[in-house]
């Protein structure tokens, strides 16, 4: 996926495409995670769809729950979803930042294999 040490730096249009792919993948992961959370809050906690979406959005964004969970099953789901959301957040940041960090580090190695006069 990324260029190797001996290859030249990726052009800006190709780098922009790589960033767009990373952002698209991140948005897809977040959308699936949000849908799973809303479904879980609706089925397990018995919340209305809009309240389920609100709770899932707030947990996924790291803000915290809106509605209190009343029974054990909904509390367990909310705990599991909060832990899952933390992993999704860290993964999303890694997916978005990886191309930028790779480009920076790769720029230090461009032309390194050429013999010096």
Protein backbone atom coordinates (compact mmCIF):
# COMPACT_ATOMS: atom_id res chain seq x y z
CA UNK A 1 0.00 0.00 0.00
CA UNK A 2 2.81 2.41 0.86
CA UNK A 3 5.95 3.08 -1.16
CA UNK A 4 9.17 1.40 -0.10
CA UNK A 5 12.33 3.02 1.20
CA UNK A 6 14.06 3.27 -2.18
CA UNK A 7 11.05 4.68 -4.07
CA UNK A 8 10.48 8.36 -4.64
CA UNK A 9 7.94 10.40 -2.71
CA UNK A 10 4.34 10.04 -3.85
CA UNK A 11 2.97 12.92 -5.95
CA UNK A 12 0.49 15.29 -4.29
CA UNK A 13 -2.52 14.10 -6.35
CA UNK A 14 -1.80 10.46 -5.49
CA UNK A 15 -1.23 11.40 -1.85
CA UNK A 16 -4.57 13.24 -1.82
CA UNK A 17 -6.21 10.10 -3.20
CA UNK A 18 -4.56 8.02 -0.47
CA UNK A 19 -5.85 10.45 2.16
CA UNK A 20 -9.35 10.34 0.65
CA UNK A 21 -9.29 6.54 0.81
CA UNK A 22 -8.19 6.67 4.44
CA UNK A 23 -10.93 9.14 5.31
CA UNK A 24 -13.50 7.07 3.43
CA UNK A 25 -12.48 3.91 5.27
CA UNK A 26 -12.64 5.75 8.59
CA UNK A 27 -16.10 7.13 7.84
CA UNK A 28 -17.32 3.64 6.89
CA UNK A 29 -15.99 2.17 10.14
CA UNK A 30 -17.62 4.96 12.16
CA UNK A 31 -20.93 4.57 10.30
CA UNK A 32 -21.04 0.80 10.91
CA UNK A 33 -20.11 1.33 14.57
CA UNK A 34 -22.80 3.96 14.97
CA UNK A 35 -25.42 1.71 13.37
CA UNK A 36 -24.42 -1.19 15.62
CA UNK A 37 -24.65 1.02 18.69
CA UNK A 38 -28.04 2.44 17.74
CA UNK A 39 -29.36 -1.06 17.06
CA UNK A 40 -28.01 -2.30 20.38
CA UNK A 41 -29.49 0.55 22.37
CA UNK A 42 -32.81 0.05 20.62
CA UNK A 43 -32.97 -3.73 21.10
CA UNK A 44 -31.22 -4.17 24.46
CA UNK A 45 -32.12 -0.96 26.30
CA UNK A 46 -35.53 -0.51 24.66
CA UNK A 47 -34.90 3.10 23.66
CA UNK A 48 -36.66 4.77 20.74
CA UNK A 49 -34.60 4.89 17.52
CA UNK A 50 -33.77 8.58 17.84
CA UNK A 51 -32.71 8.15 21.49
CA UNK A 52 -30.68 5.08 20.52
CA UNK A 53 -28.90 7.07 17.82
CA UNK A 54 -28.24 9.92 20.25
CA UNK A 55 -26.78 7.60 22.89
CA UNK A 56 -24.64 5.73 20.35
CA UNK A 57 -23.40 9.03 18.89
CA UNK A 58 -22.51 10.45 22.27
CA UNK A 59 -20.66 7.30 23.38
CA UNK A 60 -18.84 6.99 20.04
CA UNK A 61 -17.76 10.63 20.25
CA UNK A 62 -16.50 10.15 23.81
CA UNK A 63 -19.07 12.45 25.40
CA UNK A 64 -20.85 9.86 27.54
CA UNK A 65 -24.37 8.47 27.68
CA UNK A 66 -27.51 10.58 27.65
CA UNK A 67 -30.14 8.19 28.99
CA UNK A 68 -29.56 6.22 32.18
CA UNK A 69 -29.59 2.45 31.73
CA UNK A 70 -32.16 0.84 33.99
CA UNK A 71 -31.53 -2.92 33.83
CA UNK A 72 -28.45 -5.12 33.94
CA UNK A 73 -28.51 -6.12 30.26
CA UNK A 74 -28.58 -2.50 29.07
CA UNK A 75 -25.79 -1.56 31.49
CA UNK A 76 -23.65 -4.42 30.21
CA UNK A 77 -24.33 -3.41 26.60
CA UNK A 78 -23.49 0.23 27.35
CA UNK A 79 -20.21 -0.83 29.00
CA UNK A 80 -19.24 -3.07 26.11
CA UNK A 81 -20.17 -0.42 23.55
CA UNK A 82 -18.14 2.21 25.40
CA UNK A 83 -15.05 -0.02 25.35
CA UNK A 84 -15.67 -0.85 21.69
CA UNK A 85 -16.04 2.86 20.90
CA UNK A 86 -12.67 3.61 22.46
CA UNK A 87 -11.02 1.05 20.19
CA UNK A 88 -12.89 2.44 17.16
CA UNK A 89 -11.73 5.96 18.02
CA UNK A 90 -8.08 4.94 18.31
CA UNK A 91 -8.29 2.88 15.11
CA UNK A 92 -9.92 5.74 13.22
CA UNK A 93 -7.19 8.15 14.30
CA UNK A 94 -4.51 5.65 13.24
CA UNK A 95 -6.09 5.12 9.82
CA UNK A 96 -6.30 8.87 9.15
CA UNK A 97 -2.85 9.78 10.49
CA UNK A 98 -0.89 6.85 8.99
CA UNK A 99 -0.52 8.27 5.46
CA UNK A 100 0.66 11.62 6.83
CA UNK A 101 3.20 10.08 9.19
CA UNK A 102 4.42 7.70 6.49
CA UNK A 103 4.92 10.59 4.06
CA UNK A 104 6.90 12.55 6.65
CA UNK A 105 9.14 9.61 7.57
CA UNK A 106 9.52 8.55 3.93
CA UNK A 107 10.66 12.05 2.97
CA UNK A 108 13.69 11.57 5.25
CA UNK A 109 14.75 8.47 3.28
CA UNK A 110 14.25 9.70 -0.29
CA UNK A 111 17.54 9.40 -2.18
CA UNK A 112 19.28 7.67 0.71
CA UNK A 113 20.36 4.65 -1.38
CA UNK A 114 22.14 6.76 -4.02
CA UNK A 115 25.95 6.74 -3.84
CA UNK A 116 27.49 10.02 -2.72
CA UNK A 117 30.06 11.67 -5.01
